[in-house]
Amino acid sequence: MSALATVIRHENRVLSADRASWIGLAVFLVIAIYAIASGATWMQLRQAEAATSVQISQERSAEFDRNLAVIEAGRLAELGKPNWYKRWSGAPTTPDSRAVLPSRPLLLIASNAGELQPHLATMRPASSRHSLLDDLKASTQNPVTLAVGRLDMVFLLTAALPLLLLAFSFNLLSVEREQGTLALVLAQPIALATLITGKLLTRFLRLLLPLAIAVPLLLALAVDPAQLGRAPLDYLLLAVLILVYGAFWLLLAGLINALGGSSARNALSLGGLWLLLVLVVPSLLNIAAAALHPPPDRAGLTNELRARLVEARNGGDQLYQDHALEHPDTVVAESTDPAEAFDSAKATLTTWLVRERTDALVAPIAERFEQDLAAQQDLAESGRFLSPALLFQAALNRLAGVDAARSRAFSAAAKAHLDALRAQLIPKVLAGQILRAGDYGGLPRFEMVEPSAAGPLGLDLLGLLLAVLLPAVLLMARLRSARPVIR
């Protein structure tokens, strides 16, 4: 039997006899099950919220379509509706539509980031392209949960997994030295490099590998089987990411042990490195992003939008008169029925002209807002290479579908859908026309082209592999410079 196999067998026996290792693994799995169950419940609520919203919109459109057919047949009285309902249901600005961000199967691992991700938009032809920033709703959950955050798998894997591994790796060599057994071990035909490699491999196989297998399996059990088939490779990639990220911390522990410090010193050193890479570097990156690109004022944008809307509404009659002068051949007829007057063709046209003017006034402010927000997100994206924890978290967010690139793609798709609605309905507004039975069914449907995450995920994985390579190279260099092996 080789020296490496002997070390692995011995370390396996030691860990098997150590109740702490079993307890630590069991506690982590119990917490993981809770986090997965919490994430699955949150994801189901979010999906139900979106499905209900879409269903309400579809039922509303179908009802309008049926009622328009009845109205066109001259049987308005059968509906039991007031006279103004005829104009309102047929107004081209009445139809609404829903844009829903599709959920990825691993969304449940990132409920904290998902709470902040817009996933549902409600829009009408006269909706502002810029107010979609407010209409792209995030989930409405328990306010206490929103205040303190959720225990999700992204946090557990990024922050707690390294602590579990370090708890059983900080004294790989120091405990042998302190107990006086290291010299006896090295008196055997076992090199120091073989000893530490065997110890690290044992912890990789007994702690990290079971977790890398168990977590994706638990996640697969928690999702709908129909969703599981949509992205089966995501679960394999998650396992690979867990293995690579865990290997970095194990190698870091090996490197610190190879420096020859005491167990207490190793624990302090590794704890400090965990704080630096998991907490301090991300915090400093956020501070730098806020300093270089001050966070855009969403409340200010909303207030500006409202102020410009009031300004445009106050000038609505003038906008209508200007439009009539510029387009004398398309002047819409005004209703003479007092019951219909508030929703006449003129009122519908004026509503659109007010929205068009408001968008023109707000456009420079909204564009600056989006540019500032994108600059912050791009800086954070570039800064993820400063820490393996940031790389790992970014990769998990991409697997969950809550990354900034996907959110921007959804926002762009929602705006494109609004433009498609306008292209079909606004000509009717300008011509003073109303909708007919069947028009609601012919409205465009929301579609979103998923941005490719393969490239960014590949960079995340490459960055993690390079991070693993650094302590591995330093560890090998340290072991080569260590004192000669005693045989």
Protein backbone atom coordinates (compact mmCIF):
# COMPACT_ATOMS: atom_id res chain seq x y z
CA MET A 1 0.00 0.00 0.00
CA SER A 2 1.36 3.44 -0.92
CA ALA A 3 2.23 6.04 1.70
CA LEU A 4 -0.58 8.31 0.47
CA ALA A 5 -3.16 5.52 0.80
CA THR A 6 -1.87 4.79 4.31
CA VAL A 7 -2.30 8.41 5.35
CA ILE A 8 -5.81 8.59 3.85
CA ARG A 9 -6.85 5.37 5.61
CA HIS A 10 -5.51 6.60 8.93
CA GLU A 11 -7.14 10.03 8.62
CA ASN A 12 -10.40 8.42 7.60
CA ARG A 13 -10.37 6.35 10.79
CA VAL A 14 -9.60 9.43 12.87
CA LEU A 15 -12.44 11.45 11.34
CA SER A 16 -14.84 8.52 11.60
CA ALA A 17 -14.10 8.23 15.31
CA ASP A 18 -14.50 11.98 15.78
CA ARG A 19 -18.14 12.69 16.58
CA ALA A 20 -17.62 16.38 15.85
CA SER A 21 -17.16 15.68 12.14
CA TRP A 22 -20.43 13.75 11.97
CA ILE A 23 -22.26 16.38 13.99
CA GLY A 24 -20.85 19.22 11.88
CA LEU A 25 -21.86 17.52 8.64
CA ALA A 26 -25.32 16.68 9.98
CA VAL A 27 -25.94 20.20 11.28
CA PHE A 28 -24.90 21.70 7.95
CA LEU A 29 -27.25 19.37 6.06
CA VAL A 30 -30.14 20.17 8.41
CA ILE A 31 -29.60 23.89 7.89
CA ALA A 32 -29.31 23.29 4.15
CA ILE A 33 -32.63 21.41 4.13
CA TYR A 34 -34.26 24.32 5.96
CA ALA A 35 -32.77 26.84 3.52
CA ILE A 36 -33.91 24.77 0.54
CA ALA A 37 -37.43 24.38 1.96
CA SER A 38 -37.62 28.12 2.65
CA GLY A 39 -36.38 28.90 -0.86
CA ALA A 40 -38.83 26.46 -2.44
CA THR A 41 -41.75 28.04 -0.57
CA TRP A 42 -40.66 31.50 -1.63
CA MET A 43 -40.26 30.42 -5.26
CA GLN A 44 -43.72 28.85 -5.29
CA LEU A 45 -45.24 32.07 -3.91
CA ARG A 46 -43.46 34.14 -6.52
CA GLN A 47 -44.56 31.86 -9.35
CA ALA A 48 -48.13 31.83 -8.03
CA GLU A 49 -48.12 35.63 -7.84
CA ALA A 50 -47.01 35.89 -11.46
CA ALA A 51 -49.43 33.20 -12.65
CA THR A 52 -52.36 34.87 -10.89
CA SER A 53 -51.49 38.24 -12.40
CA VAL A 54 -51.29 36.79 -15.91
CA GLN A 55 -54.54 34.87 -15.43
CA ILE A 56 -56.38 38.01 -14.27
CA SER A 57 -55.12 39.91 -17.32
CA GLN A 58 -56.12 37.13 -19.71
CA GLU A 59 -59.58 36.76 -18.15
CA ARG A 60 -60.08 40.52 -18.29
CA SER A 61 -59.13 40.64 -21.98
CA ALA A 62 -61.39 37.67 -22.78
CA GLU A 63 -64.30 39.36 -20.97
CA PHE A 64 -63.77 42.58 -22.90
CA ASP A 65 -63.69 40.63 -26.16
CA ARG A 66 -66.96 38.86 -25.37
CA ASN A 67 -68.62 42.08 -24.24
CA LEU A 68 -67.53 43.94 -27.36
CA ALA A 69 -69.24 41.28 -29.47
CA VAL A 70 -72.42 41.78 -27.45
CA ILE A 71 -72.15 45.58 -27.77
CA GLU A 72 -71.59 45.37 -31.54
CA ALA A 73 -74.78 43.30 -31.75
CA GLY A 74 -76.65 46.20 -30.12
CA ARG A 75 -77.34 44.33 -26.87
CA LEU A 76 -75.52 46.56 -24.37
CA ALA A 77 -78.46 46.35 -21.97
CA GLU A 78 -77.87 42.61 -21.57
CA LEU A 79 -74.52 43.32 -19.93
CA GLY A 80 -76.04 45.49 -17.23
CA LYS A 81 -73.29 48.06 -17.82
CA PRO A 82 -73.59 51.87 -17.93
CA ASN A 83 -73.44 53.63 -21.29
CA TRP A 84 -69.83 54.74 -20.83
CA TYR A 85 -68.71 51.08 -20.72
CA LYS A 86 -69.11 50.90 -24.50
CA ARG A 87 -66.42 53.51 -25.09
CA TRP A 88 -64.19 52.39 -22.25
CA SER A 89 -64.02 48.72 -23.24
CA GLY A 90 -63.30 49.69 -26.84
CA ALA A 91 -60.73 52.40 -26.09
CA PRO A 92 -57.31 51.42 -27.52
CA THR A 93 -55.68 52.54 -24.26
CA THR A 94 -57.74 50.10 -22.13
CA PRO A 95 -56.01 46.74 -22.85
CA ASP A 96 -53.31 45.72 -20.43
CA SER A 97 -50.62 43.08 -20.63
CA ARG A 98 -48.33 41.27 -18.23
CA ALA A 99 -44.63 40.60 -18.66
CA VAL A 100 -43.31 37.79 -16.44
CA LEU A 101 -39.66 36.85 -15.94
CA PRO A 102 -39.46 33.04 -16.29
CA SER A 103 -38.15 31.27 -13.19
CA ARG A 104 -35.07 29.12 -13.52
CA PRO A 105 -35.08 25.74 -11.71
CA LEU A 106 -32.39 26.85 -9.24
CA LEU A 107 -34.11 30.12 -8.38
CA LEU A 108 -34.83 28.78 -4.88
CA ILE A 109 -31.14 28.97 -3.87
CA ALA A 110 -31.07 32.77 -4.20
CA SER A 111 -34.22 34.02 -2.47
CA ASN A 112 -32.41 37.04 -0.98
CA ALA A 113 -31.26 38.35 -4.36
CA GLY A 114 -34.57 37.25 -5.88
CA GLU A 115 -36.51 39.47 -3.48
CA LEU A 116 -34.84 42.47 -5.10
CA GLN A 117 -35.19 41.28 -8.69
CA PRO A 118 -38.11 42.69 -10.72
CA HIS A 119 -40.02 39.79 -12.23
CA LEU A 120 -43.49 41.09 -13.14
CA ALA A 121 -44.58 44.11 -15.17
CA THR A 122 -48.09 45.43 -15.84
CA MET A 123 -48.44 47.76 -18.80
CA ARG A 124 -50.95 49.49 -21.03
CA PRO A 125 -50.35 51.35 -24.29
CA ALA A 126 -50.36 54.67 -22.43
CA SER A 127 -47.96 53.40 -19.74
CA SER A 128 -44.66 55.21 -19.49
CA ARG A 129 -41.58 53.35 -20.70
CA HIS A 130 -39.78 54.89 -17.75
CA SER A 131 -42.35 54.07 -15.08
CA LEU A 132 -41.68 50.42 -15.89
CA LEU A 133 -38.83 50.88 -13.41
CA ASP A 134 -41.58 50.97 -10.79
CA ASP A 135 -44.00 48.59 -12.52
CA LEU A 136 -41.42 45.79 -12.67
CA LYS A 137 -42.49 44.44 -9.31
CA ALA A 138 -40.37 42.48 -6.88
CA SER A 139 -42.04 39.89 -4.66
CA THR A 140 -44.37 41.13 -1.92
CA GLN A 141 -43.26 39.09 1.07
CA ASN A 142 -43.28 39.36 4.84
CA PRO A 143 -41.77 42.78 5.74
CA VAL A 144 -39.84 41.21 8.63
CA THR A 145 -38.25 38.78 6.20
CA LEU A 146 -37.37 41.63 3.85
CA ALA A 147 -35.76 43.52 6.76
CA VAL A 148 -33.56 40.71 8.09
CA GLY A 149 -33.14 38.66 4.93
CA ARG A 150 -33.59 34.94 4.33
CA LEU A 151 -31.27 32.05 5.03
CA ASP A 152 -30.75 30.98 1.44
CA MET A 153 -28.36 28.47 -0.09
CA VAL A 154 -26.21 31.13 -1.75
CA PHE A 155 -25.35 32.57 1.66
CA LEU A 156 -24.98 29.15 3.28
CA LEU A 157 -22.63 27.84 0.61
CA THR A 158 -20.63 31.06 0.26
CA ALA A 159 -20.15 31.87 3.95
CA ALA A 160 -20.87 28.77 6.05
CA LEU A 161 -19.33 26.03 3.91
CA PRO A 162 -15.79 27.47 4.28
CA LEU A 163 -16.25 27.63 8.07
CA LEU A 164 -17.25 23.96 8.17
CA LEU A 165 -14.20 22.94 6.14
CA LEU A 166 -11.82 25.16 8.11
CA ALA A 167 -13.16 23.83 11.42
CA PHE A 168 -11.76 20.39 10.55
CA SER A 169 -8.66 21.58 8.68
CA PHE A 170 -7.10 24.40 10.68
CA ASN A 171 -4.89 22.01 12.71
CA LEU A 172 -3.88 19.46 10.10
CA LEU A 173 -0.21 19.52 11.12
CA SER A 174 -0.20 21.74 14.18
CA VAL A 175 -2.07 19.22 16.31
CA GLU A 176 0.47 16.54 15.36
CA ARG A 177 3.30 18.88 16.27
CA GLU A 178 1.70 19.91 19.57
CA GLN A 179 1.05 16.29 20.54
CA GLY A 180 4.59 15.31 19.60
CA THR A 181 3.52 12.80 16.95
CA LEU A 182 4.66 14.69 13.85
CA ALA A 183 8.29 13.65 14.26
CA LEU A 184 7.21 10.03 14.73
CA VAL A 185 5.10 10.16 11.57
CA LEU A 186 7.90 11.71 9.54
CA ALA A 187 10.27 9.07 10.87
CA GLN A 188 8.30 6.67 8.69
CA PRO A 189 8.83 6.58 4.91
CA ILE A 190 6.28 9.32 4.49
CA ALA A 191 7.11 12.73 3.04
CA LEU A 192 5.65 15.87 4.56
CA ALA A 193 3.97 16.62 1.23
CA THR A 194 2.38 13.16 1.24
CA LEU A 195 1.16 13.62 4.79
CA ILE A 196 -0.56 16.94 4.19
CA THR A 197 -1.91 15.80 0.81
CA GLY A 198 -3.47 12.74 2.41
CA LYS A 199 -5.04 14.81 5.17
CA LEU A 200 -6.51 17.27 2.66
CA LEU A 201 -7.80 14.52 0.36
CA THR A 202 -9.49 12.80 3.30
CA ARG A 203 -11.39 15.95 4.20
CA PHE A 204 -12.21 16.51 0.54
CA LEU A 205 -13.70 13.01 0.29
CA ARG A 206 -15.41 12.86 3.70
CA LEU A 207 -16.75 16.40 3.99
CA LEU A 208 -16.77 18.27 0.72
CA LEU A 209 -17.69 15.55 -1.78
CA PRO A 210 -20.78 14.32 0.15
CA LEU A 211 -22.04 17.90 0.41
CA ALA A 212 -21.41 18.54 -3.30
CA ILE A 213 -23.54 15.48 -4.08
CA ALA A 214 -26.22 15.98 -1.42
CA VAL A 215 -27.01 19.65 -2.06
CA PRO A 216 -27.90 19.31 -5.79
CA LEU A 217 -29.91 16.15 -5.01
CA LEU A 218 -31.88 17.93 -2.28
CA LEU A 219 -32.50 20.85 -4.63
CA ALA A 220 -33.68 18.48 -7.37
CA LEU A 221 -36.16 16.93 -4.93
CA ALA A 222 -37.49 20.35 -3.95
CA VAL A 223 -38.45 21.55 -7.46
CA ASP A 224 -41.22 20.55 -9.82
CA PRO A 225 -40.09 17.58 -11.99
CA ALA A 226 -41.16 19.55 -15.07
CA GLN A 227 -38.70 22.31 -14.15
CA LEU A 228 -35.96 19.79 -13.35
CA GLY A 229 -35.81 18.72 -16.98
CA ARG A 230 -35.32 22.28 -18.24
CA ALA A 231 -31.73 22.65 -17.06
CA PRO A 232 -30.30 19.33 -15.81
CA LEU A 233 -26.72 20.48 -16.36
CA ASP A 234 -27.23 23.31 -13.86
CA TYR A 235 -27.22 20.78 -11.02
CA LEU A 236 -24.00 19.21 -12.25
CA LEU A 237 -22.39 22.61 -12.60
CA LEU A 238 -23.51 23.49 -9.06
CA ALA A 239 -21.75 20.38 -7.75
CA VAL A 240 -18.59 21.30 -9.63
CA LEU A 241 -18.66 24.85 -8.27
CA ILE A 242 -19.07 23.57 -4.70
CA LEU A 243 -16.11 21.21 -5.15
CA VAL A 244 -13.85 23.89 -6.61
CA TYR A 245 -14.81 26.52 -4.04
CA GLY A 246 -14.37 24.07 -1.17
CA ALA A 247 -11.02 22.92 -2.56
CA PHE A 248 -9.78 26.51 -2.36
CA TRP A 249 -10.47 26.68 1.37
CA LEU A 250 -8.95 23.26 2.03
CA LEU A 251 -5.77 24.22 0.17
CA LEU A 252 -5.68 27.52 2.04
CA ALA A 253 -5.86 25.59 5.31
CA GLY A 254 -3.07 23.33 4.10
CA LEU A 255 -0.90 26.33 3.23
CA ILE A 256 -1.41 27.94 6.65
CA ASN A 257 -0.57 24.65 8.37
CA ALA A 258 2.58 24.30 6.28
CA LEU A 259 3.86 27.60 7.69
CA GLY A 260 4.46 25.86 11.01
CA GLY A 261 2.27 27.90 13.35
CA SER A 262 0.34 26.68 16.38
CA SER A 263 -3.30 25.57 16.19
CA ALA A 264 -4.44 28.82 17.76
CA ARG A 265 -2.40 30.86 15.30
CA ASN A 266 -3.74 28.82 12.37
CA ALA A 267 -7.31 29.33 13.54
CA LEU A 268 -6.83 33.08 13.85
CA SER A 269 -5.09 33.29 10.46
CA LEU A 270 -7.76 31.29 8.65
CA GLY A 271 -10.54 33.16 10.44
CA GLY A 272 -8.98 36.44 9.37
CA LEU A 273 -8.71 35.25 5.76
CA TRP A 274 -12.35 34.16 5.84
CA LEU A 275 -13.38 37.59 7.11
CA LEU A 276 -11.25 39.27 4.45
CA LEU A 277 -12.46 37.25 1.47
CA VAL A 278 -16.10 36.71 2.45
CA LEU A 279 -16.97 39.98 4.20
CA VAL A 280 -14.33 42.70 3.92
CA VAL A 281 -13.53 42.55 0.20
CA PRO A 282 -17.23 42.50 -0.86
CA SER A 283 -17.92 45.42 1.49
CA LEU A 284 -14.99 47.42 0.13
CA LEU A 285 -16.14 46.70 -3.41
CA ASN A 286 -19.60 48.05 -2.57
CA ILE A 287 -18.03 51.17 -1.04
CA ALA A 288 -15.85 51.68 -4.12
CA ALA A 289 -18.83 51.22 -6.45
CA ALA A 290 -20.85 53.76 -4.47
CA ALA A 291 -17.95 56.23 -4.47
CA LEU A 292 -17.06 55.92 -8.14
CA HIS A 293 -20.65 55.64 -9.34
CA PRO A 294 -23.01 57.18 -6.75
CA PRO A 295 -26.19 55.12 -6.46
CA PRO A 296 -28.99 56.53 -8.62
CA ASP A 297 -31.88 58.12 -6.79
CA ARG A 298 -34.91 55.95 -7.60
CA ALA A 299 -37.18 58.07 -5.39
CA GLY A 300 -35.97 61.18 -7.20
CA LEU A 301 -36.73 59.59 -10.56
CA THR A 302 -40.23 58.65 -9.40
CA ASN A 303 -40.89 62.17 -8.10
CA GLU A 304 -39.57 63.66 -11.33
CA LEU A 305 -41.82 61.38 -13.35
CA ARG A 306 -44.85 62.42 -11.33
CA ALA A 307 -43.99 66.10 -11.59
CA ARG A 308 -43.60 65.86 -15.36
CA LEU A 309 -46.85 63.91 -15.62
CA VAL A 310 -48.71 66.65 -13.72
CA GLU A 311 -47.07 69.24 -15.95
CA ALA A 312 -48.12 67.40 -19.09
CA ARG A 313 -51.66 66.83 -17.80
CA ASN A 314 -52.09 70.49 -17.03
CA GLY A 315 -51.23 71.19 -20.63
CA GLY A 316 -53.37 68.36 -22.03
CA ASP A 317 -55.87 70.61 -23.80
CA GLN A 318 -53.06 72.54 -25.42
CA LEU A 319 -51.38 69.30 -26.54
CA TYR A 320 -54.66 68.22 -28.14
CA GLN A 321 -55.09 71.55 -29.91
CA ASP A 322 -51.50 71.48 -31.18
CA HIS A 323 -52.02 67.93 -32.46
CA ALA A 324 -55.22 68.99 -34.24
CA LEU A 325 -53.38 71.86 -35.95
CA GLU A 326 -50.52 69.60 -37.01
CA HIS A 327 -52.82 66.79 -38.21
CA PRO A 328 -56.00 68.44 -39.52
CA ASP A 329 -56.94 65.36 -41.53
CA THR A 330 -57.04 63.09 -38.48
CA VAL A 331 -59.01 65.18 -36.00
CA VAL A 332 -61.05 62.75 -33.91
CA ALA A 333 -64.74 63.34 -33.31
CA GLU A 334 -65.82 64.36 -29.85
CA SER A 335 -68.65 62.51 -28.14
CA THR A 336 -71.89 64.42 -27.64
CA ASP A 337 -73.18 61.96 -25.06
CA PRO A 338 -72.50 63.31 -21.54
CA ALA A 339 -72.26 59.72 -20.27
CA GLU A 340 -69.45 59.01 -22.73
CA ALA A 341 -67.71 62.36 -22.66
CA PHE A 342 -65.10 61.49 -20.05
CA ASP A 343 -63.88 58.58 -22.18
CA SER A 344 -64.47 59.95 -25.63
CA ALA A 345 -62.03 59.55 -28.51
CA LYS A 346 -60.75 63.01 -27.70
CA ALA A 347 -60.07 62.02 -24.08
CA THR A 348 -58.30 58.85 -25.21
CA LEU A 349 -56.13 60.82 -27.64
CA THR A 350 -55.37 63.43 -24.99
CA THR A 351 -54.31 60.68 -22.57
CA TRP A 352 -51.84 59.38 -25.13
CA LEU A 353 -50.50 62.85 -25.98
CA VAL A 354 -49.95 63.54 -22.26
CA ARG A 355 -48.04 60.26 -21.88
CA GLU A 356 -45.96 60.93 -24.99
CA ARG A 357 -45.05 64.38 -23.69
CA THR A 358 -44.26 63.02 -20.22
CA ASP A 359 -41.91 60.39 -21.65
CA ALA A 360 -40.12 63.03 -23.69
CA LEU A 361 -39.61 65.19 -20.59
CA VAL A 362 -38.43 62.34 -18.38
CA ALA A 363 -36.29 60.50 -20.96
CA PRO A 364 -32.96 62.29 -20.20
CA ILE A 365 -33.35 61.71 -16.45
CA ALA A 366 -34.39 58.07 -16.86
CA GLU A 367 -31.54 57.35 -19.26
CA ARG A 368 -29.03 58.84 -16.83
CA PHE A 369 -30.53 56.74 -14.04
CA GLU A 370 -30.17 53.54 -16.06
CA GLN A 371 -26.61 54.42 -17.10
CA ASP A 372 -25.57 55.06 -13.48
CA LEU A 373 -27.17 51.81 -12.35
CA ALA A 374 -25.50 49.86 -15.17
CA ALA A 375 -22.13 51.41 -14.31
CA GLN A 376 -22.47 50.27 -10.70
CA GLN A 377 -23.44 46.77 -11.76
CA ASP A 378 -20.59 46.55 -14.28
CA LEU A 379 -18.06 47.60 -11.64
CA ALA A 380 -19.37 44.98 -9.23
CA GLU A 381 -19.22 42.41 -12.03
CA SER A 382 -15.59 43.23 -12.79
CA GLY A 383 -14.66 43.30 -9.10
CA ARG A 384 -15.81 39.74 -8.48
CA PHE A 385 -12.31 38.51 -9.37
CA LEU A 386 -10.99 40.11 -6.18
CA SER A 387 -12.34 37.27 -4.05
CA PRO A 388 -13.22 33.60 -4.63
CA ALA A 389 -16.32 34.20 -2.50
CA LEU A 390 -17.52 36.88 -4.93
CA LEU A 391 -16.84 34.62 -7.91
CA PHE A 392 -18.69 31.75 -6.30
CA GLN A 393 -21.64 33.94 -5.33
CA ALA A 394 -21.82 35.44 -8.83
CA ALA A 395 -21.84 31.96 -10.37
CA LEU A 396 -24.63 30.79 -8.05
CA ASN A 397 -26.70 33.89 -8.84
CA ARG A 398 -26.30 33.17 -12.55
CA LEU A 399 -27.45 29.58 -12.06
CA ALA A 400 -30.45 30.91 -10.13
CA GLY A 401 -31.20 33.50 -12.84
CA VAL A 402 -31.04 36.54 -10.53
CA ASP A 403 -27.94 38.18 -12.01
CA ALA A 404 -27.96 41.78 -13.21
CA ALA A 405 -27.60 40.83 -16.89
CA ARG A 406 -30.80 38.79 -16.81
CA SER A 407 -32.68 41.55 -14.98
CA ARG A 408 -31.59 44.06 -17.63
CA ALA A 409 -32.67 41.66 -20.38
CA PHE A 410 -36.11 41.37 -18.77
CA SER A 411 -36.44 45.13 -18.47
CA ALA A 412 -35.45 45.55 -22.14
CA ALA A 413 -37.91 42.82 -23.22
CA ALA A 414 -40.71 44.48 -21.23
CA LYS A 415 -40.04 47.80 -22.93
CA ALA A 416 -39.95 46.11 -26.33
CA HIS A 417 -43.31 44.51 -25.53
CA LEU A 418 -44.75 47.91 -24.59
CA ASP A 419 -43.48 49.28 -27.90
CA ALA A 420 -45.20 46.39 -29.71
CA LEU A 421 -48.48 47.15 -27.92
CA ARG A 422 -48.17 50.79 -28.88
CA ALA A 423 -47.37 50.01 -32.49
CA GLN A 424 -50.62 48.05 -32.77
CA LEU A 425 -52.95 50.26 -30.72
CA ILE A 426 -51.73 53.86 -30.86
CA PRO A 427 -52.61 54.27 -34.59
CA LYS A 428 -56.19 53.55 -33.55
CA VAL A 429 -55.93 56.24 -30.87
CA LEU A 430 -54.64 58.79 -33.38
CA ALA A 431 -57.40 57.91 -35.84
CA GLY A 432 -60.13 58.04 -33.19
CA GLN A 433 -61.00 54.38 -33.73
CA ILE A 434 -62.24 51.87 -31.15
CA LEU A 435 -61.46 48.20 -30.70
CA ARG A 436 -63.66 45.54 -32.20
CA ALA A 437 -64.50 42.02 -31.06
CA GLY A 438 -61.45 39.84 -31.62
CA ASP A 439 -58.93 42.68 -31.31
CA TYR A 440 -58.00 41.73 -27.74
CA GLY A 441 -57.09 38.22 -28.85
CA GLY A 442 -54.79 39.62 -31.52
CA LEU A 443 -52.62 41.66 -29.15
CA PRO A 444 -48.91 40.77 -29.04
CA ARG A 445 -47.71 38.37 -26.37
CA PHE A 446 -44.68 38.98 -24.19
CA GLU A 447 -41.56 37.11 -25.22
CA MET A 448 -38.08 37.25 -23.75
CA VAL A 449 -34.87 35.96 -25.27
CA GLU A 450 -32.77 34.52 -22.46
CA PRO A 451 -29.28 36.06 -22.33
CA SER A 452 -26.54 33.45 -22.54
CA ALA A 453 -24.91 32.79 -19.18
CA ALA A 454 -22.37 30.32 -20.55
CA GLY A 455 -19.64 32.91 -21.07
CA PRO A 456 -19.91 34.62 -17.66
CA LEU A 457 -20.27 31.26 -15.91
CA GLY A 458 -17.17 30.02 -17.69
CA LEU A 459 -15.25 33.07 -16.48
CA ASP A 460 -16.52 32.52 -12.94
CA LEU A 461 -15.36 28.90 -12.99
CA LEU A 462 -12.03 29.85 -14.55
CA GLY A 463 -11.52 32.48 -11.86
CA LEU A 464 -12.24 29.92 -9.15
CA LEU A 465 -9.81 27.44 -10.70
CA LEU A 466 -7.11 30.11 -10.75
CA ALA A 467 -7.92 30.90 -7.12
CA VAL A 468 -7.45 27.22 -6.28
CA LEU A 469 -4.16 27.18 -8.17
CA LEU A 470 -2.68 30.01 -6.09
CA PRO A 471 -2.67 28.29 -2.64
CA ALA A 472 -1.77 25.00 -4.34
CA VAL A 473 1.37 26.51 -5.88
CA LEU A 474 2.31 28.30 -2.67
CA LEU A 475 1.77 25.10 -0.67
CA MET A 476 4.02 23.10 -2.99
CA ALA A 477 6.69 25.79 -2.82
CA ARG A 478 6.50 25.80 0.98
CA LEU A 479 6.74 22.02 1.21
CA ARG A 480 9.78 21.99 -1.06
CA SER A 481 11.54 24.48 1.17
CA ALA A 482 10.68 22.53 4.35
CA ARG A 483 13.30 20.54 6.24
CA PRO A 484 14.36 17.15 4.77
CA VAL A 485 12.04 14.21 5.36
CA ILE A 486 13.15 11.78 8.07
CA ARG A 487 13.21 8.17 6.85
